[in-house]
Amino acid sequence: MPKLEIWENLPFGIRQHLIDRMRDRAISVADSGQSASGEAL
């Protein structure tokens, strides 16, 4: 599995794009945290 970058290290434009995609897909911050920790959604 590829290593994920730390959120703060991502360029602003990429972070904003990911936030926009989360909104488009109605993914909450809690859901994204579960995904990052490897828990099932």
N, C-alpha and C. Protein backbone atom coordinates (compact mmCIF):
# COMPACT_ATOMS: atom_id res chain seq x y z
N MET A 1 0.84 -1.17 0.00
CA MET A 1 0.00 0.00 0.00
C MET A 1 0.89 1.24 0.00
N PRO A 2 0.56 2.24 -0.83
CA PRO A 2 1.39 3.45 -0.88
C PRO A 2 1.30 4.24 0.42
N LYS A 3 2.37 4.92 0.75
CA LYS A 3 2.40 5.75 1.95
C LYS A 3 1.66 7.06 1.65
N LEU A 4 0.77 7.45 2.56
CA LEU A 4 0.01 8.68 2.38
C LEU A 4 0.78 9.85 2.96
N GLU A 5 0.65 10.98 2.31
CA GLU A 5 1.32 12.21 2.76
C GLU A 5 0.57 12.78 3.96
N ILE A 6 1.30 13.46 4.83
CA ILE A 6 0.69 14.16 5.96
C ILE A 6 -0.08 15.36 5.41
N TRP A 7 -1.29 15.55 5.92
CA TRP A 7 -2.20 16.59 5.42
C TRP A 7 -1.52 17.96 5.33
N GLU A 8 -0.81 18.34 6.37
CA GLU A 8 -0.18 19.66 6.41
C GLU A 8 0.91 19.82 5.35
N ASN A 9 1.47 18.71 4.87
CA ASN A 9 2.54 18.77 3.87
C ASN A 9 2.01 18.87 2.44
N LEU A 10 0.71 18.65 2.26
CA LEU A 10 0.14 18.74 0.91
C LEU A 10 0.02 20.20 0.50
N PRO A 11 0.25 20.51 -0.77
CA PRO A 11 0.06 21.88 -1.24
C PRO A 11 -1.39 22.33 -1.04
N PHE A 12 -1.58 23.62 -0.81
CA PHE A 12 -2.91 24.16 -0.54
C PHE A 12 -3.92 23.76 -1.61
N GLY A 13 -3.56 23.84 -2.87
CA GLY A 13 -4.48 23.52 -3.96
C GLY A 13 -4.97 22.08 -3.90
N ILE A 14 -4.09 21.17 -3.55
CA ILE A 14 -4.47 19.76 -3.45
C ILE A 14 -5.39 19.55 -2.26
N ARG A 15 -5.05 20.18 -1.11
CA ARG A 15 -5.93 20.07 0.06
C ARG A 15 -7.32 20.60 -0.27
N GLN A 16 -7.39 21.74 -0.95
CA GLN A 16 -8.68 22.32 -1.30
C GLN A 16 -9.46 21.41 -2.24
N HIS A 17 -8.77 20.82 -3.20
CA HIS A 17 -9.42 19.89 -4.13
C HIS A 17 -10.01 18.70 -3.37
N LEU A 18 -9.24 18.15 -2.43
CA LEU A 18 -9.73 17.01 -1.66
C LEU A 18 -10.93 17.39 -0.80
N ILE A 19 -10.90 18.57 -0.21
CA ILE A 19 -12.04 19.05 0.59
C ILE A 19 -13.27 19.20 -0.30
N ASP A 20 -13.09 19.76 -1.49
CA ASP A 20 -14.21 19.90 -2.43
C ASP A 20 -14.78 18.54 -2.81
N ARG A 21 -13.92 17.56 -3.06
CA ARG A 21 -14.38 16.21 -3.42
C ARG A 21 -15.13 15.56 -2.26
N MET A 22 -14.65 15.79 -1.02
CA MET A 22 -15.35 15.26 0.15
C MET A 22 -16.75 15.85 0.23
N ARG A 23 -16.86 17.15 -0.03
CA ARG A 23 -18.19 17.80 -0.01
C ARG A 23 -19.08 17.24 -1.11
N ASP A 24 -18.53 17.07 -2.31
CA ASP A 24 -19.30 16.53 -3.44
C ASP A 24 -19.86 15.15 -3.12
N ARG A 25 -19.07 14.37 -2.41
CA ARG A 25 -19.46 12.98 -2.11
C ARG A 25 -20.09 12.84 -0.73
N ALA A 26 -20.31 13.97 -0.05
CA ALA A 26 -20.92 14.00 1.28
C ALA A 26 -20.16 13.09 2.26
N ILE A 27 -18.83 13.20 2.25
CA ILE A 27 -17.99 12.46 3.18
C ILE A 27 -17.67 13.39 4.34
N SER A 28 -17.99 12.98 5.54
CA SER A 28 -17.72 13.81 6.70
C SER A 28 -16.25 13.69 7.12
N VAL A 29 -15.82 14.63 7.96
CA VAL A 29 -14.45 14.59 8.48
C VAL A 29 -14.27 13.31 9.29
N ALA A 30 -15.28 12.92 10.06
CA ALA A 30 -15.20 11.69 10.85
C ALA A 30 -15.02 10.48 9.94
N ASP A 31 -15.76 10.43 8.82
CA ASP A 31 -15.63 9.33 7.87
C ASP A 31 -14.22 9.29 7.28
N SER A 32 -13.68 10.44 6.95
CA SER A 32 -12.35 10.48 6.35
C SER A 32 -11.30 10.02 7.37
N GLY A 33 -11.50 10.34 8.63
CA GLY A 33 -10.58 9.87 9.68
C GLY A 33 -10.62 8.37 9.83
N GLN A 34 -11.81 7.77 9.72
CA GLN A 34 -11.94 6.33 9.80
C GLN A 34 -11.24 5.68 8.62
N SER A 35 -11.39 6.29 7.46
CA SER A 35 -10.75 5.75 6.25
C SER A 35 -9.23 5.79 6.40
N ALA A 36 -8.71 6.89 6.94
CA ALA A 36 -7.27 7.03 7.10
C ALA A 36 -6.72 6.05 8.11
N SER A 37 -7.53 5.68 9.11
CA SER A 37 -7.04 4.75 10.13
C SER A 37 -7.25 3.29 9.72
N GLY A 38 -7.91 3.07 8.57
CA GLY A 38 -8.08 1.71 8.06
C GLY A 38 -9.36 1.04 8.51
N GLU A 39 -10.23 1.79 9.18
CA GLU A 39 -11.50 1.22 9.62
C GLU A 39 -12.49 1.22 8.45
N ALA A 40 -13.40 0.28 8.47
CA ALA A 40 -14.44 0.19 7.43
C ALA A 40 -15.43 1.32 7.61
N LEU A 41 -15.92 1.84 6.48
CA LEU A 41 -16.94 2.90 6.54
C LEU A 41 -18.31 2.31 6.66
